Amino acid sequence: MCSSDLLAQGHQVVERPITPDRGLILDRQGRVLAKNVATYSVEIVPGDLPLPSRPQVLAELGAIIKMDPVRITMMLDRVTGSMWDPVRIANNIDESAARLVDEEHDALPGVQTLIEAHRVYPFGAVVSHVVGYVARIGSTELATLSGAGYSAKDYIGRAGVESTYETELRGTPGVQALEVDARGRVVRDLGVVKSPVPGKTLVLTIDMTAQQHAYDALAWGLKSARNKHGVVAAMDPQTGEVIALASYPSYDNNDFATGITNEQYRAYLQSKFGALVDAAVAEQDPPGSTYKLVTYSCALQNHLVGPNERLSTPAYVEVRSEEH
């Protein structure tokens, strides 16, 4: 069909972005700190869902994906755009539920499933302040970033290196051409105009063995000291590379990647000691005896002590007073 035929029928060709695979995040030994796994989501095209059968369809769909049909109805009623734009109903549904939805296609008009890449953080809270997390792009951000190929379905880095290296991790979006009718309904897929380029793999200086030890020691030390808040940082003095950076209390970045609930987010916000705050870089905390390194270095340089000699460093100073 030529372009003139498309215009004569009121059809047009639109281009939609193809989200690239997000780059991996690894520690210095190649252990995966952030990866992508395939998940299933459910959408409804309102224009393909007949109004008379809508209650029955939503009731059956709700039973399959374990979701209140009233909530699904409210999500559809809030739509103000085209009746042919898919409305996201549920994310990260069980594979068996997705297969059942596909099998019941004739009984569920307008309902469709799709496979998406979902971000997973294997070490969770142990390194969440460093790695950060991704979340669904907001309307304000979309208005600014739509020209860069972002769509309402995309995720974007919110904290840590996921946010700092968003451009490198995201990659370059592709372009898909679609033929749509005058109502905005997709008539046919015209193919990929530009293939997406996957994001780059990011290798950190963090060593997860040291990070795990730092996190566990910090938790143990705070509990022993009856405290709730602290930081452990370990660096290579020869290169300045950060080997471990633990902040406590922490949070599970998987909560955000899967779509955090209002209750979970409220609990994090109400945390007395700021679980969402990376105290290692975002707070002014008194250092723990860091100046001892300077003092001992001076003593070594002036041959006042040997490299294997131990010094007692009590948490007090004795001052002699003389009677007059």
Protein backbone atom coordinates (compact mmCIF):
# COMPACT_ATOMS: atom_id res chain seq x y z
CA MET A 1 0.00 0.00 0.00
CA CYS A 2 1.49 3.32 -1.02
CA SER A 3 1.46 6.47 1.13
CA SER A 4 -1.30 8.05 -0.97
CA ASP A 5 -3.57 5.05 -0.30
CA LEU A 6 -2.88 5.41 3.42
CA LEU A 7 -3.86 9.08 3.38
CA ALA A 8 -6.96 8.33 1.32
CA GLN A 9 -8.19 5.92 3.97
CA GLY A 10 -7.29 8.26 6.78
CA HIS A 11 -4.37 6.06 7.77
CA GLN A 12 -0.95 7.29 8.72
CA VAL A 13 2.45 5.92 9.62
CA VAL A 14 3.71 6.57 13.14
CA GLU A 15 7.05 5.75 14.69
CA ARG A 16 7.34 4.37 18.19
CA PRO A 17 10.53 3.90 20.20
CA ILE A 18 11.90 0.42 20.96
CA THR A 19 13.41 0.28 24.43
CA PRO A 20 16.96 -1.16 24.39
CA ASP A 21 18.21 -3.76 26.87
CA ARG A 22 19.68 -1.99 29.89
CA GLY A 23 23.36 -2.60 30.60
CA LEU A 24 24.51 -4.83 33.44
CA ILE A 25 26.23 -3.56 36.59
CA LEU A 26 29.12 -5.72 37.86
CA ASP A 27 31.54 -5.59 40.77
CA ARG A 28 35.31 -5.62 40.18
CA GLN A 29 35.32 -9.44 40.07
CA GLY A 30 32.52 -9.64 37.50
CA ARG A 31 29.75 -10.53 39.96
CA VAL A 32 26.36 -9.24 38.82
CA LEU A 33 24.90 -6.41 40.91
CA ALA A 34 22.06 -5.50 38.50
CA LYS A 35 20.60 -7.60 35.69
CA ASN A 36 17.52 -7.94 33.50
CA VAL A 37 14.99 -10.79 33.63
CA ALA A 38 11.90 -11.32 31.51
CA THR A 39 8.57 -10.55 33.18
CA TYR A 40 4.96 -10.52 32.03
CA SER A 41 2.56 -7.57 32.06
CA VAL A 42 -1.12 -7.16 31.15
CA GLU A 43 -2.66 -4.35 29.12
CA ILE A 44 -6.16 -3.60 27.88
CA VAL A 45 -7.05 -1.78 24.66
CA PRO A 46 -10.36 -0.09 25.65
CA GLY A 47 -11.55 0.18 22.05
CA ASP A 48 -11.37 -3.62 21.65
CA LEU A 49 -13.37 -4.29 24.83
CA PRO A 50 -17.15 -4.22 24.11
CA LEU A 51 -18.99 -2.22 26.76
CA PRO A 52 -21.78 -4.82 27.36
CA SER A 53 -19.29 -7.59 28.15
CA ARG A 54 -16.90 -5.38 30.10
CA PRO A 55 -17.99 -6.42 33.65
CA GLN A 56 -17.69 -10.13 32.81
CA VAL A 57 -14.32 -9.72 31.09
CA LEU A 58 -12.85 -7.69 33.96
CA ALA A 59 -14.18 -10.15 36.53
CA GLU A 60 -12.56 -13.08 34.72
CA LEU A 61 -9.30 -11.18 34.21
CA GLY A 62 -9.25 -10.16 37.88
CA ALA A 63 -9.65 -13.78 38.95
CA ILE A 64 -6.72 -14.87 36.77
CA ILE A 65 -4.24 -12.17 37.81
CA LYS A 66 -5.61 -11.92 41.39
CA MET A 67 -6.67 -8.30 41.08
CA ASP A 68 -9.90 -6.56 42.15
CA PRO A 69 -12.09 -5.94 39.06
CA VAL A 70 -13.19 -2.65 40.62
CA ARG A 71 -9.60 -1.45 40.59
CA ILE A 72 -9.22 -2.49 36.93
CA THR A 73 -12.42 -0.57 36.11
CA MET A 74 -11.08 2.54 37.82
CA MET A 75 -7.82 2.32 35.84
CA LEU A 76 -9.76 2.18 32.58
CA ASP A 77 -12.10 5.01 33.56
CA ARG A 78 -9.15 7.32 34.27
CA VAL A 79 -7.97 7.08 30.66
CA THR A 80 -8.35 10.38 28.78
CA GLY A 81 -6.41 9.54 25.61
CA SER A 82 -7.26 7.44 22.58
CA MET A 83 -9.46 4.38 23.10
CA TRP A 84 -6.88 2.47 21.11
CA ASP A 85 -3.91 3.24 23.35
CA PRO A 86 -3.13 0.23 25.58
CA VAL A 87 -3.76 0.77 29.29
CA ARG A 88 -1.31 -0.93 31.65
CA ILE A 89 -3.24 -3.02 34.19
CA ALA A 90 -0.61 -5.12 35.96
CA ASN A 91 3.16 -5.62 35.99
CA ASN A 92 5.25 -8.65 36.94
CA ILE A 93 2.42 -11.15 36.83
CA ASP A 94 3.05 -14.87 37.18
CA GLU A 95 4.02 -16.71 33.99
CA SER A 96 1.21 -19.24 34.46
CA ALA A 97 -1.31 -16.38 34.74
CA ALA A 98 0.08 -14.78 31.57
CA ARG A 99 -0.25 -18.05 29.67
CA LEU A 100 -3.83 -18.46 30.89
CA VAL A 101 -4.71 -14.95 29.70
CA ASP A 102 -3.30 -15.82 26.27
CA GLU A 103 -5.25 -19.07 26.18
CA GLU A 104 -8.49 -17.25 27.04
CA HIS A 105 -7.96 -14.65 24.32
CA ASP A 106 -11.43 -15.12 22.79
CA ALA A 107 -13.12 -14.72 26.17
CA LEU A 108 -10.98 -11.67 27.06
CA PRO A 109 -11.36 -9.21 24.13
CA GLY A 110 -9.05 -6.24 24.36
CA VAL A 111 -6.77 -7.95 26.88
CA GLN A 112 -3.17 -8.63 25.88
CA THR A 113 0.03 -9.76 27.56
CA LEU A 114 3.55 -8.64 26.78
CA ILE A 115 7.04 -9.66 27.86
CA GLU A 116 9.28 -6.95 29.29
CA ALA A 117 12.73 -6.74 30.82
CA HIS A 118 12.62 -6.28 34.58
CA ARG A 119 15.55 -5.08 36.70
CA VAL A 120 16.76 -7.42 39.47
CA TYR A 121 19.35 -6.67 42.17
CA PRO A 122 20.78 -9.97 43.51
CA PHE A 123 22.48 -8.42 46.58
CA GLY A 124 19.61 -6.11 47.54
CA ALA A 125 20.14 -4.00 50.65
CA VAL A 126 23.85 -4.91 51.00
CA VAL A 127 24.85 -2.58 48.16
CA SER A 128 21.61 -0.75 47.29
CA HIS A 129 22.91 2.72 48.19
CA VAL A 130 25.76 2.29 45.71
CA VAL A 131 23.85 0.62 42.88
CA GLY A 132 20.57 2.53 43.27
CA TYR A 133 17.45 1.45 41.39
CA VAL A 134 15.22 2.15 38.39
CA ALA A 135 11.56 3.13 38.41
CA ARG A 136 8.85 3.98 35.90
CA ILE A 137 9.43 7.37 34.28
CA GLY A 138 7.15 10.14 35.56
CA SER A 139 4.97 12.45 33.47
CA THR A 140 7.17 15.48 34.18
CA GLU A 141 10.33 13.63 33.17
CA LEU A 142 8.61 12.23 30.08
CA ALA A 143 7.72 15.72 28.88
CA THR A 144 11.43 16.60 29.04
CA LEU A 145 12.92 13.33 27.80
CA SER A 146 10.46 12.23 25.12
CA GLY A 147 12.76 13.73 22.49
CA ALA A 148 15.49 11.32 23.65
CA GLY A 149 13.30 8.33 22.82
CA TYR A 150 11.74 7.74 26.24
CA SER A 151 8.14 6.53 26.40
CA ALA A 152 5.60 6.20 29.21
CA LYS A 153 6.51 2.51 29.52
CA ASP A 154 10.20 3.14 30.15
CA TYR A 155 12.14 2.91 33.39
CA ILE A 156 14.80 5.40 34.42
CA GLY A 157 17.60 5.39 37.01
CA ARG A 158 16.54 7.01 40.27
CA ALA A 159 19.52 6.67 42.60
CA GLY A 160 23.12 5.47 42.82
CA VAL A 161 25.02 4.55 39.69
CA GLU A 162 21.73 3.61 38.00
CA SER A 163 20.98 7.33 37.96
CA THR A 164 24.51 8.70 37.50
CA TYR A 165 25.19 6.50 34.48
CA GLU A 166 21.64 6.49 33.08
CA THR A 167 22.74 7.44 29.56
CA GLU A 168 25.42 4.75 29.33
CA LEU A 169 23.31 2.01 30.93
CA ARG A 170 20.17 2.75 28.94
CA GLY A 171 21.66 2.45 25.47
CA THR A 172 20.12 3.86 22.28
CA PRO A 173 16.40 3.32 21.52
CA GLY A 174 15.32 1.81 18.23
CA VAL A 175 12.38 2.85 16.05
CA GLN A 176 9.38 0.79 14.95
CA ALA A 177 7.00 1.92 12.18
CA LEU A 178 3.27 1.24 12.57
CA GLU A 179 0.28 1.92 10.36
CA VAL A 180 -2.64 3.38 12.34
CA ASP A 181 -6.15 4.34 11.27
CA ALA A 182 -7.92 7.65 11.90
CA ARG A 183 -8.85 6.55 15.44
CA GLY A 184 -5.27 5.69 16.34
CA ARG A 185 -5.78 1.92 16.18
CA VAL A 186 -2.80 -0.10 14.94
CA VAL A 187 -3.63 -1.65 11.57
CA ARG A 188 -0.32 -3.37 10.87
CA ASP A 189 3.32 -3.49 11.85
CA LEU A 190 5.56 -2.01 9.14
CA GLY A 191 8.75 -3.32 10.73
CA VAL A 192 11.81 -1.98 12.52
CA VAL A 193 13.23 1.21 11.04
CA LYS A 194 16.16 1.39 13.43
CA SER A 195 17.40 -1.41 15.69
CA PRO A 196 18.00 -0.56 19.38
CA VAL A 197 21.55 -0.58 20.77
CA PRO A 198 21.88 -2.27 24.19
CA GLY A 199 23.27 -0.30 27.10
CA LYS A 200 26.90 -0.63 28.18
CA THR A 201 28.04 -2.90 31.01
CA LEU A 202 29.25 -0.91 34.01
CA VAL A 203 32.06 -2.38 36.16
CA LEU A 204 32.45 -0.88 39.64
CA THR A 205 35.49 -0.85 41.90
CA ILE A 206 33.32 -2.36 44.64
CA ASP A 207 34.29 -5.89 45.72
CA MET A 208 31.17 -7.71 46.92
CA THR A 209 33.11 -9.93 49.32
CA ALA A 210 34.49 -6.85 51.07
CA GLN A 211 31.11 -5.11 50.75
CA GLN A 212 29.30 -8.02 52.43
CA HIS A 213 31.86 -8.11 55.25
CA ALA A 214 31.57 -4.34 55.71
CA TYR A 215 27.78 -4.47 55.80
CA ASP A 216 27.68 -7.40 58.25
CA ALA A 217 30.33 -5.85 60.51
CA LEU A 218 28.49 -2.53 60.49
CA ALA A 219 25.20 -4.17 61.44
CA TRP A 220 26.89 -6.17 64.20
CA GLY A 221 28.83 -3.17 65.51
CA LEU A 222 25.77 -0.92 65.63
CA LYS A 223 23.78 -3.58 67.44
CA SER A 224 26.60 -4.08 69.97
CA ALA A 225 26.85 -0.33 70.51
CA ARG A 226 23.06 -0.01 70.71
CA ASN A 227 23.09 2.38 67.81
CA LYS A 228 21.02 2.45 64.62
CA HIS A 229 23.02 4.48 62.14
CA GLY A 230 26.51 4.27 60.67
CA VAL A 231 28.84 3.98 57.69
CA VAL A 232 31.81 1.82 56.72
CA ALA A 233 34.08 2.88 53.84
CA ALA A 234 37.12 1.02 52.54
CA MET A 235 39.47 2.44 49.88
CA ASP A 236 42.65 1.33 48.16
CA PRO A 237 45.16 3.97 49.37
CA GLN A 238 47.32 3.43 46.27
CA THR A 239 44.59 4.17 43.72
CA GLY A 240 41.77 5.82 45.65
CA GLU A 241 39.34 3.14 44.44
CA VAL A 242 36.36 2.50 46.71
CA ILE A 243 36.36 -1.21 47.62
CA ALA A 244 33.39 -1.16 50.00
CA LEU A 245 30.86 1.48 50.96
CA ALA A 246 28.16 0.37 53.39
CA SER A 247 25.47 2.58 54.88
CA TYR A 248 23.09 1.38 57.60
CA PRO A 249 20.11 1.23 57.78
CA SER A 250 19.60 0.30 54.16
CA TYR A 251 16.73 -0.54 51.82
CA ASP A 252 15.97 -3.25 49.27
CA ASN A 253 16.23 -1.70 45.80
CA ASN A 254 14.18 -4.62 44.42
CA ASP A 255 11.15 -3.05 46.13
CA PHE A 256 11.38 -0.06 43.79
CA ALA A 257 12.21 -2.01 40.64
CA THR A 258 9.07 -4.15 40.99
CA GLY A 259 6.80 -1.17 41.71
CA ILE A 260 6.80 -0.24 45.37
CA THR A 261 3.50 -0.02 47.22
CA ASN A 262 2.39 3.11 49.07
CA GLU A 263 2.72 1.25 52.37
CA GLN A 264 6.30 0.18 51.67
CA TYR A 265 7.33 3.66 50.53
CA ARG A 266 5.67 5.28 53.54
CA ALA A 267 7.57 2.93 55.85
CA TYR A 268 10.88 3.93 54.24
CA LEU A 269 10.04 7.64 54.49
CA GLN A 270 9.03 7.32 58.13
CA SER A 271 12.23 5.47 59.02
CA LYS A 272 13.74 7.44 61.90
CA PHE A 273 17.29 6.92 60.67
CA GLY A 274 16.68 7.52 56.95
CA ALA A 275 17.02 4.14 55.24
CA LEU A 276 16.81 5.80 51.81
CA VAL A 277 19.69 8.21 52.57
CA ASP A 278 23.21 7.12 51.66
CA ALA A 279 24.89 8.43 54.79
CA ALA A 280 28.32 7.82 53.27
CA VAL A 281 27.90 10.65 50.78
CA ALA A 282 24.80 12.59 51.81
CA GLU A 283 25.37 13.34 55.49
CA GLN A 284 27.96 15.02 57.64
CA ASP A 285 29.02 12.38 60.14
CA PRO A 286 32.06 12.57 62.46
CA PRO A 287 34.86 10.34 61.13
CA GLY A 288 35.98 7.43 63.27
CA SER A 289 39.65 8.01 64.20
CA THR A 290 40.71 8.68 60.63
CA TYR A 291 43.41 11.12 61.79
CA LYS A 292 45.26 8.25 63.44
CA LEU A 293 46.55 7.39 59.95
CA VAL A 294 48.20 10.81 59.72
CA THR A 295 49.71 10.60 63.19
CA TYR A 296 51.12 7.11 62.68
CA SER A 297 52.47 8.02 59.23
CA CYS A 298 54.41 10.90 60.78
CA ALA A 299 55.73 8.58 63.48
CA LEU A 300 56.89 6.07 60.85
CA GLN A 301 58.52 8.77 58.74
CA ASN A 302 60.48 10.06 61.73
CA HIS A 303 61.48 6.53 62.85
CA LEU A 304 59.70 6.92 66.18
CA VAL A 305 57.95 3.56 65.71
CA GLY A 306 58.48 0.48 63.60
CA PRO A 307 56.08 -0.85 60.95
CA ASN A 308 55.17 -3.85 63.14
CA GLU A 309 54.98 -2.00 66.43
CA ARG A 310 51.60 -1.74 68.15
CA LEU A 311 50.44 1.42 69.87
CA SER A 312 47.72 1.76 72.44
CA THR A 313 45.11 4.36 71.41
CA PRO A 314 42.62 4.77 74.27
CA ALA A 315 39.63 7.07 73.84
CA TYR A 316 40.97 9.60 76.34
CA VAL A 317 44.01 11.78 77.12
CA GLU A 318 45.67 11.94 80.55
CA VAL A 319 46.63 15.45 81.60
CA ARG A 320 48.96 15.91 84.57
CA SER A 321 48.23 18.83 86.85
CA GLU A 322 50.92 20.43 88.96
CA GLU A 323 50.18 21.91 92.33
CA HIS A 324 51.30 25.50 92.76
